[in-house]
């Protein structure tokens, strides 16, 4: 295994990367606190996909780009309807894990 690259070892051992774990945790938090922290995108924009698209406020300070509420919006908006509209947190986790698995296997 020492001769394998990090990505190859992760794939062979069927482990999750730290980046993916952070994204998963962030997306679970978005699901839990959607109505408190975020502003839904206007329905007038006729957006494709799910109806829970988030509005990303413009930020002029470089530091704000890395705030939780800024860094996760694009990824959340790209999720399929079946993941976002899960009926519970556990169902959301299961759908999200399947989505990540399918995405990694492409």
N, C-alpha and C. Protein backbone atom coordinates (compact mmCIF):
# COMPACT_ATOMS: atom_id res chain seq x y z
N UNK A 1 0.82 -1.21 0.00
CA UNK A 1 0.00 0.00 0.00
C UNK A 1 0.86 1.27 0.00
N UNK A 2 2.08 1.17 0.49
CA UNK A 2 2.93 2.37 0.57
C UNK A 2 3.20 2.97 -0.79
N UNK A 3 3.21 2.16 -1.82
CA UNK A 3 3.51 2.67 -3.16
C UNK A 3 2.31 3.34 -3.82
N UNK A 4 1.11 3.13 -3.24
CA UNK A 4 -0.11 3.72 -3.79
C UNK A 4 -0.25 5.18 -3.37
N UNK A 5 -0.91 5.97 -4.21
CA UNK A 5 -1.18 7.36 -3.85
C UNK A 5 -2.32 7.40 -2.84
N UNK A 6 -2.49 8.56 -2.21
CA UNK A 6 -3.55 8.73 -1.22
C UNK A 6 -4.91 8.39 -1.81
N UNK A 7 -5.20 8.92 -2.98
CA UNK A 7 -6.50 8.67 -3.61
C UNK A 7 -6.70 7.18 -3.91
N UNK A 8 -5.65 6.51 -4.36
CA UNK A 8 -5.75 5.09 -4.68
C UNK A 8 -5.98 4.26 -3.41
N UNK A 9 -5.28 4.61 -2.31
CA UNK A 9 -5.46 3.89 -1.05
C UNK A 9 -6.88 4.09 -0.51
N UNK A 10 -7.37 5.32 -0.60
CA UNK A 10 -8.73 5.61 -0.13
C UNK A 10 -9.73 4.77 -0.92
N UNK A 11 -9.53 4.69 -2.22
CA UNK A 11 -10.45 3.94 -3.08
C UNK A 11 -10.37 2.43 -2.79
N UNK A 12 -9.15 1.91 -2.67
CA UNK A 12 -8.98 0.48 -2.41
C UNK A 12 -9.56 0.07 -1.06
N UNK A 13 -9.39 0.92 -0.05
CA UNK A 13 -9.88 0.61 1.29
C UNK A 13 -11.34 1.02 1.50
N UNK A 14 -11.91 1.64 0.47
CA UNK A 14 -13.30 2.11 0.53
C UNK A 14 -13.53 3.03 1.73
N UNK A 15 -12.61 3.98 1.89
CA UNK A 15 -12.70 4.98 2.96
C UNK A 15 -13.19 6.30 2.39
N UNK A 16 -13.54 7.20 3.27
CA UNK A 16 -14.00 8.53 2.88
C UNK A 16 -12.89 9.53 3.11
N UNK A 17 -12.69 10.43 2.16
CA UNK A 17 -11.65 11.45 2.32
C UNK A 17 -12.09 12.47 3.36
N UNK A 18 -11.12 13.16 3.94
CA UNK A 18 -11.44 14.20 4.92
C UNK A 18 -12.27 15.31 4.29
N UNK A 19 -11.96 15.64 3.04
CA UNK A 19 -12.73 16.67 2.34
C UNK A 19 -14.20 16.26 2.22
N UNK A 20 -14.43 15.00 1.86
CA UNK A 20 -15.79 14.50 1.70
C UNK A 20 -16.51 14.48 3.05
N UNK A 21 -15.81 14.12 4.12
CA UNK A 21 -16.42 14.12 5.45
C UNK A 21 -16.84 15.53 5.85
N UNK A 22 -15.99 16.52 5.54
CA UNK A 22 -16.35 17.90 5.86
C UNK A 22 -17.56 18.35 5.06
N UNK A 23 -17.58 18.03 3.76
CA UNK A 23 -18.72 18.40 2.92
C UNK A 23 -19.99 17.75 3.44
N UNK A 24 -19.90 16.48 3.82
CA UNK A 24 -21.06 15.75 4.33
C UNK A 24 -21.58 16.42 5.60
N UNK A 25 -20.68 16.72 6.52
CA UNK A 25 -21.07 17.38 7.76
C UNK A 25 -21.70 18.74 7.51
N UNK A 26 -21.10 19.50 6.61
CA UNK A 26 -21.63 20.82 6.27
C UNK A 26 -23.04 20.71 5.68
N UNK A 27 -23.23 19.76 4.77
CA UNK A 27 -24.53 19.62 4.12
C UNK A 27 -25.59 19.14 5.10
N UNK A 28 -25.23 18.30 6.05
CA UNK A 28 -26.18 17.87 7.07
C UNK A 28 -26.60 19.06 7.92
N UNK A 29 -25.65 19.93 8.25
CA UNK A 29 -25.98 21.14 9.01
C UNK A 29 -26.89 22.06 8.21
N UNK A 30 -26.65 22.19 6.91
CA UNK A 30 -27.52 23.02 6.07
C UNK A 30 -28.94 22.47 6.12
N UNK A 31 -29.06 21.18 6.02
CA UNK A 31 -30.38 20.56 6.06
C UNK A 31 -31.08 20.86 7.38
N UNK A 32 -30.34 20.80 8.48
CA UNK A 32 -30.92 21.01 9.81
C UNK A 32 -31.32 22.46 10.06
N UNK A 33 -30.54 23.41 9.56
CA UNK A 33 -30.77 24.82 9.91
C UNK A 33 -31.14 25.70 8.71
N UNK A 34 -31.66 25.07 7.70
CA UNK A 34 -31.98 25.77 6.46
C UNK A 34 -32.80 27.03 6.67
N UNK A 35 -33.79 26.96 7.50
CA UNK A 35 -34.68 28.11 7.66
C UNK A 35 -34.12 29.19 8.57
N UNK A 36 -33.08 28.90 9.33
CA UNK A 36 -32.53 29.89 10.27
C UNK A 36 -31.44 30.76 9.66
N UNK A 37 -30.48 30.17 9.00
CA UNK A 37 -29.30 30.89 8.54
C UNK A 37 -29.36 31.38 7.10
N UNK A 38 -30.11 30.68 6.27
CA UNK A 38 -30.04 30.94 4.84
C UNK A 38 -31.31 31.58 4.31
N UNK A 39 -31.13 32.21 3.17
CA UNK A 39 -32.26 32.82 2.47
C UNK A 39 -32.49 32.01 1.20
N UNK A 40 -33.71 31.55 1.00
CA UNK A 40 -34.02 30.79 -0.20
C UNK A 40 -33.95 31.71 -1.41
N UNK A 41 -33.49 31.16 -2.53
CA UNK A 41 -33.44 31.92 -3.77
C UNK A 41 -34.86 32.23 -4.23
N UNK A 42 -35.04 33.33 -4.89
CA UNK A 42 -36.35 33.74 -5.36
C UNK A 42 -36.90 32.74 -6.36
N UNK A 43 -38.16 32.41 -6.22
CA UNK A 43 -38.81 31.49 -7.15
C UNK A 43 -38.99 32.14 -8.53
N UNK A 44 -38.85 33.46 -8.59
CA UNK A 44 -38.99 34.17 -9.86
C UNK A 44 -37.85 33.85 -10.83
N UNK A 45 -36.76 33.33 -10.30
CA UNK A 45 -35.58 33.06 -11.13
C UNK A 45 -35.75 31.81 -12.00
N UNK A 46 -36.80 31.03 -11.75
CA UNK A 46 -37.08 29.84 -12.54
C UNK A 46 -35.88 28.89 -12.55
N UNK A 47 -35.40 28.53 -11.37
CA UNK A 47 -34.23 27.67 -11.24
C UNK A 47 -34.59 26.21 -11.49
N UNK A 48 -33.64 25.48 -12.06
CA UNK A 48 -33.84 24.06 -12.31
C UNK A 48 -33.51 23.27 -11.05
N UNK A 49 -33.98 22.03 -10.98
CA UNK A 49 -33.65 21.17 -9.85
C UNK A 49 -34.66 21.30 -8.73
N UNK A 50 -34.18 21.26 -7.51
CA UNK A 50 -35.06 21.30 -6.35
C UNK A 50 -35.52 22.71 -6.03
N UNK A 51 -36.56 22.81 -5.22
CA UNK A 51 -37.15 24.11 -4.88
C UNK A 51 -36.52 24.75 -3.65
N UNK A 52 -35.47 24.14 -3.10
CA UNK A 52 -34.82 24.67 -1.91
C UNK A 52 -33.46 25.31 -2.25
N UNK A 53 -33.37 25.93 -3.40
CA UNK A 53 -32.13 26.60 -3.80
C UNK A 53 -31.86 27.76 -2.85
N UNK A 54 -30.60 27.95 -2.50
CA UNK A 54 -30.21 29.01 -1.58
C UNK A 54 -29.67 30.21 -2.33
N UNK A 55 -29.90 31.37 -1.78
CA UNK A 55 -29.37 32.61 -2.35
C UNK A 55 -28.00 32.85 -1.73
N UNK A 56 -27.02 33.11 -2.58
CA UNK A 56 -25.67 33.39 -2.10
C UNK A 56 -25.45 34.89 -2.12
N UNK A 57 -25.34 35.46 -0.94
CA UNK A 57 -25.13 36.90 -0.85
C UNK A 57 -23.74 37.24 -1.33
N UNK A 58 -23.59 38.33 -2.11
CA UNK A 58 -22.26 38.72 -2.56
C UNK A 58 -21.41 39.17 -1.37
N UNK A 59 -20.13 38.82 -1.40
CA UNK A 59 -19.24 39.25 -0.32
C UNK A 59 -18.05 39.98 -0.93
N UNK A 60 -17.75 41.10 -0.34
CA UNK A 60 -16.67 41.94 -0.85
C UNK A 60 -15.38 41.77 -0.05
N UNK A 61 -15.47 41.12 1.08
CA UNK A 61 -14.30 40.87 1.90
C UNK A 61 -13.87 39.42 1.67
N UNK A 62 -12.61 39.22 1.36
CA UNK A 62 -12.10 37.89 1.01
C UNK A 62 -12.36 36.86 2.11
N UNK A 63 -12.27 37.27 3.36
CA UNK A 63 -12.45 36.35 4.48
C UNK A 63 -13.84 35.74 4.48
N UNK A 64 -14.85 36.50 4.11
CA UNK A 64 -16.24 36.02 4.14
C UNK A 64 -16.48 34.87 3.16
N UNK A 65 -15.65 34.75 2.12
CA UNK A 65 -15.81 33.67 1.15
C UNK A 65 -15.74 32.31 1.81
N UNK A 66 -15.04 32.21 2.93
CA UNK A 66 -14.81 30.94 3.59
C UNK A 66 -15.76 30.68 4.75
N UNK A 67 -16.70 31.57 4.99
CA UNK A 67 -17.73 31.35 6.00
C UNK A 67 -18.57 30.15 5.58
N UNK A 68 -19.05 29.43 6.56
CA UNK A 68 -19.90 28.27 6.30
C UNK A 68 -21.06 28.62 5.37
N UNK A 69 -21.72 29.73 5.67
CA UNK A 69 -22.91 30.11 4.90
C UNK A 69 -22.58 30.53 3.47
N UNK A 70 -21.32 30.75 3.15
CA UNK A 70 -20.91 31.10 1.79
C UNK A 70 -20.36 29.89 1.04
N UNK A 71 -19.54 29.09 1.73
CA UNK A 71 -18.83 28.02 1.02
C UNK A 71 -19.71 26.85 0.62
N UNK A 72 -20.87 26.68 1.27
CA UNK A 72 -21.68 25.50 1.02
C UNK A 72 -22.82 25.74 0.03
N UNK A 73 -23.15 26.99 -0.26
CA UNK A 73 -24.32 27.31 -1.08
C UNK A 73 -24.24 26.68 -2.47
N UNK A 74 -23.13 26.82 -3.17
CA UNK A 74 -23.04 26.27 -4.52
C UNK A 74 -23.20 24.75 -4.53
N UNK A 75 -22.58 24.09 -3.55
CA UNK A 75 -22.69 22.63 -3.50
C UNK A 75 -24.12 22.21 -3.17
N UNK A 76 -24.74 22.90 -2.21
CA UNK A 76 -26.14 22.59 -1.85
C UNK A 76 -27.05 22.75 -3.07
N UNK A 77 -26.88 23.85 -3.79
CA UNK A 77 -27.73 24.12 -4.95
C UNK A 77 -27.54 23.10 -6.07
N UNK A 78 -26.39 22.43 -6.09
CA UNK A 78 -26.14 21.44 -7.14
C UNK A 78 -26.67 20.05 -6.79
N UNK A 79 -27.11 19.85 -5.55
CA UNK A 79 -27.63 18.53 -5.16
C UNK A 79 -28.93 18.21 -5.88
N UNK A 80 -29.18 16.94 -6.16
CA UNK A 80 -30.43 16.56 -6.81
C UNK A 80 -31.62 16.67 -5.85
N UNK A 81 -32.77 16.77 -6.42
CA UNK A 81 -34.02 16.92 -5.68
C UNK A 81 -34.22 15.78 -4.69
N UNK A 82 -33.88 14.56 -5.09
CA UNK A 82 -34.09 13.39 -4.23
C UNK A 82 -33.31 13.47 -2.92
N UNK A 83 -32.17 14.15 -2.93
CA UNK A 83 -31.36 14.29 -1.72
C UNK A 83 -31.93 15.40 -0.84
N UNK A 84 -32.14 16.56 -1.42
CA UNK A 84 -32.56 17.75 -0.68
C UNK A 84 -33.94 17.59 -0.06
N UNK A 85 -34.82 16.93 -0.73
CA UNK A 85 -36.20 16.81 -0.25
C UNK A 85 -36.44 15.55 0.56
N UNK A 86 -35.39 15.05 1.20
CA UNK A 86 -35.53 13.88 2.07
C UNK A 86 -36.45 14.22 3.25
N UNK A 87 -37.25 13.28 3.69
CA UNK A 87 -38.22 13.57 4.74
C UNK A 87 -37.65 13.68 6.16
N UNK A 88 -36.41 13.21 6.38
CA UNK A 88 -35.82 13.28 7.71
C UNK A 88 -34.31 13.43 7.59
N UNK A 89 -33.66 13.73 8.71
CA UNK A 89 -32.21 13.88 8.71
C UNK A 89 -31.53 12.56 8.35
N UNK A 90 -31.99 11.46 8.91
CA UNK A 90 -31.39 10.16 8.60
C UNK A 90 -31.56 9.80 7.13
N UNK A 91 -32.74 10.07 6.61
CA UNK A 91 -32.98 9.82 5.19
C UNK A 91 -32.08 10.71 4.33
N UNK A 92 -31.92 11.97 4.75
CA UNK A 92 -31.02 12.89 4.05
C UNK A 92 -29.60 12.34 4.05
N UNK A 93 -29.12 11.86 5.18
CA UNK A 93 -27.77 11.30 5.27
C UNK A 93 -27.60 10.12 4.32
N UNK A 94 -28.60 9.22 4.30
CA UNK A 94 -28.52 8.05 3.42
C UNK A 94 -28.51 8.45 1.95
N UNK A 95 -29.39 9.38 1.57
CA UNK A 95 -29.44 9.84 0.19
C UNK A 95 -28.13 10.56 -0.19
N UNK A 96 -27.61 11.35 0.74
CA UNK A 96 -26.36 12.08 0.49
C UNK A 96 -25.20 11.11 0.30
N UNK A 97 -25.12 10.09 1.15
CA UNK A 97 -24.05 9.10 1.02
C UNK A 97 -24.13 8.36 -0.32
N UNK A 98 -25.34 8.02 -0.74
CA UNK A 98 -25.50 7.35 -2.04
C UNK A 98 -25.10 8.29 -3.18
N UNK A 99 -25.47 9.56 -3.06
CA UNK A 99 -25.10 10.54 -4.08
C UNK A 99 -23.59 10.67 -4.17
N UNK A 100 -22.89 10.75 -3.02
CA UNK A 100 -21.44 10.85 -3.02
C UNK A 100 -20.81 9.59 -3.62
N UNK A 101 -21.34 8.43 -3.27
CA UNK A 101 -20.80 7.17 -3.81
C UNK A 101 -20.95 7.15 -5.32
N UNK A 102 -22.13 7.50 -5.81
CA UNK A 102 -22.36 7.55 -7.26
C UNK A 102 -21.45 8.56 -7.92
N UNK A 103 -21.26 9.71 -7.28
CA UNK A 103 -20.41 10.76 -7.84
C UNK A 103 -18.95 10.33 -7.89
N UNK A 104 -18.50 9.64 -6.85
CA UNK A 104 -17.10 9.18 -6.79
C UNK A 104 -16.81 8.06 -7.78
N UNK A 105 -17.84 7.29 -8.12
CA UNK A 105 -17.65 6.17 -9.04
C UNK A 105 -17.72 6.56 -10.51
N UNK A 106 -17.97 7.81 -10.77
CA UNK A 106 -18.05 8.25 -12.17
C UNK A 106 -16.69 8.47 -12.74
